[in-house]
C-alpha atoms as a PDB file:
ATOM      1  CA  TYR A   1       0.308  -0.035   0.002  1.00  0.00           C
ATOM      2  CA  GLY A   2       0.946   3.567  -0.988  1.00  0.00           C
ATOM      3  CA  SER A   3       4.194   2.482  -3.112  1.00  0.00           C
ATOM      4  CA  ALA A   4       4.407   3.429  -6.726  1.00  0.00           C
ATOM      5  CA  GLY A   5       3.569  -0.089  -7.848  1.00  0.00           C
ATOM      6  CA  TYR A   6      -0.084   0.318  -5.688  1.00  0.00           C
ATOM      7  CA  ARG A   7      -0.574   3.954  -7.231  1.00  0.00           C
ATOM      8  CA  SER A   8      -0.520   2.533 -10.682  1.00  0.00           C
ATOM      9  CA  ALA A   9      -2.107  -0.182 -10.408  1.00  0.00           C
ATOM     10  CA  THR A  10      -5.113   1.651  -8.649  1.00  0.00           C
ATOM     11  CA  LEU A  11      -4.956   4.405 -11.283  1.00  0.00           C
ATOM     12  CA  SER A  12      -5.226   1.730 -14.343  1.00  0.00           C
ATOM     13  CA  LYS A  13      -8.815   0.982 -13.027  1.00  0.00           C
ATOM     14  CA  VAL A  14      -9.818   4.336 -13.417  1.00  0.00           C
ATOM     15  CA  VAL A  15      -8.145   4.429 -17.252  1.00  0.00           C
ATOM     16  CA  ALA A  16      -9.685   1.259 -18.009  1.00  0.00           C
ATOM     17  CA  ALA A  17     -12.920   2.338 -16.248  1.00  0.00           C
ATOM     18  CA  ALA A  18     -13.004   5.669 -18.643  1.00  0.00           C
ATOM     19  CA  THR A  19     -12.126   3.978 -21.922  1.00  0.00           C
ATOM     20  CA  ILE A  20     -15.262   1.975 -21.321  1.00  0.00           C
ATOM     21  CA  LEU A  21     -17.446   4.967 -20.533  1.00  0.00           C
ATOM     22  CA  GLU A  22     -15.769   6.035 -23.761  1.00  0.00           C
ATOM     23  CA  VAL A  23     -17.320   3.537 -25.918  1.00  0.00           C
ATOM     24  CA  GLY A  24     -20.338   3.701 -24.708  1.00  0.00           C
ATOM     25  CA  TYR A  25     -20.875   1.210 -22.444  1.00  0.00           C
ATOM     26  CA  ASP A  26     -22.130   1.641 -18.556  1.00  0.00           C
ATOM     27  CA  LEU A  27     -19.994   0.011 -15.836  1.00  0.00           C
ATOM     28  CA  VAL A  28     -20.298  -1.302 -12.441  1.00  0.00           C
ATOM     29  CA  LEU A  29     -16.285  -1.472 -10.932  1.00  0.00           C
ATOM     30  CA  LEU A  30     -15.780  -3.736  -7.687  1.00  0.00           C
ATOM     31  CA  ASP A  31     -12.322  -4.202  -6.290  1.00  0.00           C
ATOM     32  CA  VAL A  32     -11.612  -8.000  -5.942  1.00  0.00           C
ATOM     33  CA  ASP A  33     -12.357  -7.736  -1.971  1.00  0.00           C
ATOM     34  CA  VAL A  34     -15.748  -7.368  -2.696  1.00  0.00           C
ATOM     35  CA  ALA A  35     -18.108  -9.964  -2.626  1.00  0.00           C
ATOM     36  CA  LEU A  36     -21.903  -9.938  -4.258  1.00  0.00           C
ATOM     37  CA  TYR A  37     -24.970 -12.657  -3.596  1.00  0.00           C
ATOM     38  CA  ARG A  38     -26.695 -10.932  -6.956  1.00  0.00           C
ATOM     39  CA  ASP A  39     -26.704  -8.514  -9.707  1.00  0.00           C
ATOM     40  CA  PRO A  40     -26.967  -4.988  -8.744  1.00  0.00           C
ATOM     41  CA  ARG A  41     -27.461  -3.914 -11.840  1.00  0.00           C
ATOM     42  CA  PRO A  42     -31.264  -3.640 -12.793  1.00  0.00           C
ATOM     43  CA  PHE A  43     -31.517  -1.914  -9.376  1.00  0.00           C
ATOM     44  CA  LEU A  44     -29.037   0.620 -10.368  1.00  0.00           C
ATOM     45  CA  ALA A  45     -29.784   1.487 -13.326  1.00  0.00           C
ATOM     46  CA  GLU A  46     -33.587   1.903 -12.398  1.00  0.00           C
ATOM     47  CA  ARG A  47     -32.007   3.906  -9.503  1.00  0.00           C
ATOM     48  CA  ALA A  48     -29.769   6.161 -11.775  1.00  0.00           C
ATOM     49  CA  ALA A  49     -32.693   6.525 -13.951  1.00  0.00           C
ATOM     50  CA  ARG A  50     -35.046   7.649 -11.985  1.00  0.00           C
ATOM     51  CA  LEU A  51     -32.590   9.937 -10.232  1.00  0.00           C
ATOM     52  CA  ALA A  52     -30.789  11.309 -13.077  1.00  0.00           C
ATOM     53  CA  LEU A  53     -27.757   9.903 -11.913  1.00  0.00           C
ATOM     54  CA  ASP A  54     -24.442   9.887 -13.610  1.00  0.00           C
ATOM     55  CA  LEU A  55     -22.257   8.189 -10.786  1.00  0.00           C
ATOM     56  CA  GLN A  56     -23.491   6.226  -7.952  1.00  0.00           C
ATOM     57  CA  PHE A  57     -20.273   5.583  -5.296  1.00  0.00           C
ATOM     58  CA  GLN A  58     -20.044   2.918  -2.551  1.00  0.00           C
ATOM     59  CA  LEU A  59     -19.702   5.213   0.912  1.00  0.00           C
ATOM     60  CA  ASN A  60     -17.248   3.492   3.114  1.00  0.00           C
ATOM     61  CA  PHE A  61     -19.256   3.647   6.187  1.00  0.00           C
ATOM     62  CA  PRO A  62     -19.328   5.100   8.802  1.00  0.00           C
ATOM     63  CA  ARG A  63     -16.986   7.259   7.423  1.00  0.00           C
ATOM     64  CA  LYS A  64     -19.020   9.431   4.432  1.00  0.00           C
ATOM     65  CA  ASP A  65     -16.025   9.293   2.218  1.00  0.00           C
ATOM     66  CA  LEU A  66     -16.202   7.802  -1.775  1.00  0.00           C
ATOM     67  CA  ASN A  67     -15.088   4.170  -2.192  1.00  0.00           C
ATOM     68  CA  THR A  68     -13.651   3.561  -5.539  1.00  0.00           C
ATOM     69  CA  GLY A  69     -13.697   0.144  -4.915  1.00  0.00           C
ATOM     70  CA  VAL A  70     -16.939   0.005  -5.551  1.00  0.00           C
ATOM     71  CA  TYR A  71     -19.282   2.099  -8.035  1.00  0.00           C
ATOM     72  CA  TYR A  72     -21.671   2.278 -10.966  1.00  0.00           C
ATOM     73  CA  ALA A  73     -20.940   4.351 -13.693  1.00  0.00           C
ATOM     74  CA  ARG A  74     -23.412   5.053 -16.480  1.00  0.00           C
ATOM     75  CA  SER A  75     -22.150   6.558 -19.949  1.00  0.00           C
ATOM     76  CA  THR A  76     -23.163   9.868 -19.720  1.00  0.00           C
ATOM     77  CA  PRO A  77     -21.221  13.410 -21.032  1.00  0.00           C
ATOM     78  CA  ALA A  78     -20.918  14.036 -17.319  1.00  0.00           C
ATOM     79  CA  ALA A  79     -19.678  11.169 -16.807  1.00  0.00           C
ATOM     80  CA  ARG A  80     -17.439  10.309 -19.690  1.00  0.00           C
ATOM     81  CA  ARG A  81     -15.947  13.824 -18.592  1.00  0.00           C
ATOM     82  CA  LEU A  82     -15.196  13.196 -14.962  1.00  0.00           C
ATOM     83  CA  MET A  83     -13.432  10.062 -15.364  1.00  0.00           C
ATOM     84  CA  PHE A  84     -11.502  11.542 -18.097  1.00  0.00           C
ATOM     85  CA  MET A  85     -10.278  13.964 -15.736  1.00  0.00           C
ATOM     86  CA  TRP A  86      -9.847  11.731 -13.166  1.00  0.00           C
ATOM     87  CA  ALA A  87      -7.710   9.291 -15.147  1.00  0.00           C
ATOM     88  CA  THR A  88      -5.855  11.800 -16.517  1.00  0.00           C
ATOM     89  CA  TYR A  89      -5.597  14.045 -13.084  1.00  0.00           C
ATOM     90  CA  ASN A  90      -2.024  14.461 -12.118  1.00  0.00           C
ATOM     91  CA  GLY A  91      -2.413  13.385  -8.488  1.00  0.00           C
ATOM     92  CA  THR A  92       0.398  11.278  -6.512  1.00  0.00           C
ATOM     93  CA  SER A  93      -1.711   9.180  -4.836  1.00  0.00           C
ATOM     94  CA  ASP A  94      -4.147   6.123  -4.756  1.00  0.00           C
ATOM     95  CA  ASP A  95      -7.127   6.919  -7.295  1.00  0.00           C
ATOM     96  CA  GLN A  96      -8.897   7.531  -4.029  1.00  0.00           C
ATOM     97  CA  ALA A  97      -7.263  10.412  -2.805  1.00  0.00           C
ATOM     98  CA  SER A  98      -6.559  11.418  -6.403  1.00  0.00           C
ATOM     99  CA  LEU A  99     -10.586  11.872  -6.865  1.00  0.00           C
ATOM    100  CA  TYR A 100     -11.165  13.763  -3.502  1.00  0.00           C
ATOM    101  CA  ALA A 101      -8.325  15.978  -5.246  1.00  0.00           C
ATOM    102  CA  LEU A 102     -10.093  16.469  -8.374  1.00  0.00           C
ATOM    103  CA  ILE A 103     -13.076  17.144  -6.577  1.00  0.00           C
ATOM    104  CA  ARG A 104     -11.948  19.447  -4.061  1.00  0.00           C
ATOM    105  CA  HIS A 105      -9.523  21.586  -7.138  1.00  0.00           C
ATOM    106  CA  GLU A 106     -11.272  21.174 -10.540  1.00  0.00           C
ATOM    107  CA  CYS A 107     -15.198  20.749  -9.771  1.00  0.00           C
ATOM    108  CA  SER A 108     -17.643  23.335  -8.990  1.00  0.00           C
ATOM    109  CA  PHE A 109     -20.824  22.163  -7.875  1.00  0.00           C
END
């Protein structure tokens, strides 16, 4: 954890996800330590459509920070733009810290 190899591996997930969205597919990204009891896609897709969500992240309970190892992204212009920014963000840490830095420094809500 924290090595250059670890940072490279975690950021490669972001590059892969950005590429998948760019070619028009929605995606569910799960880290290898996540297990599911049923397919979450119907629930996530229905919720995203009903609430007009581009991205849905699991929270790192009990904290309220985003878990970048469990998320659903629709291939929408906003999601593709954020994923591209995240994949090309010049962060010096892992994917989660890079996303937080990107949101803090580059995004306005």
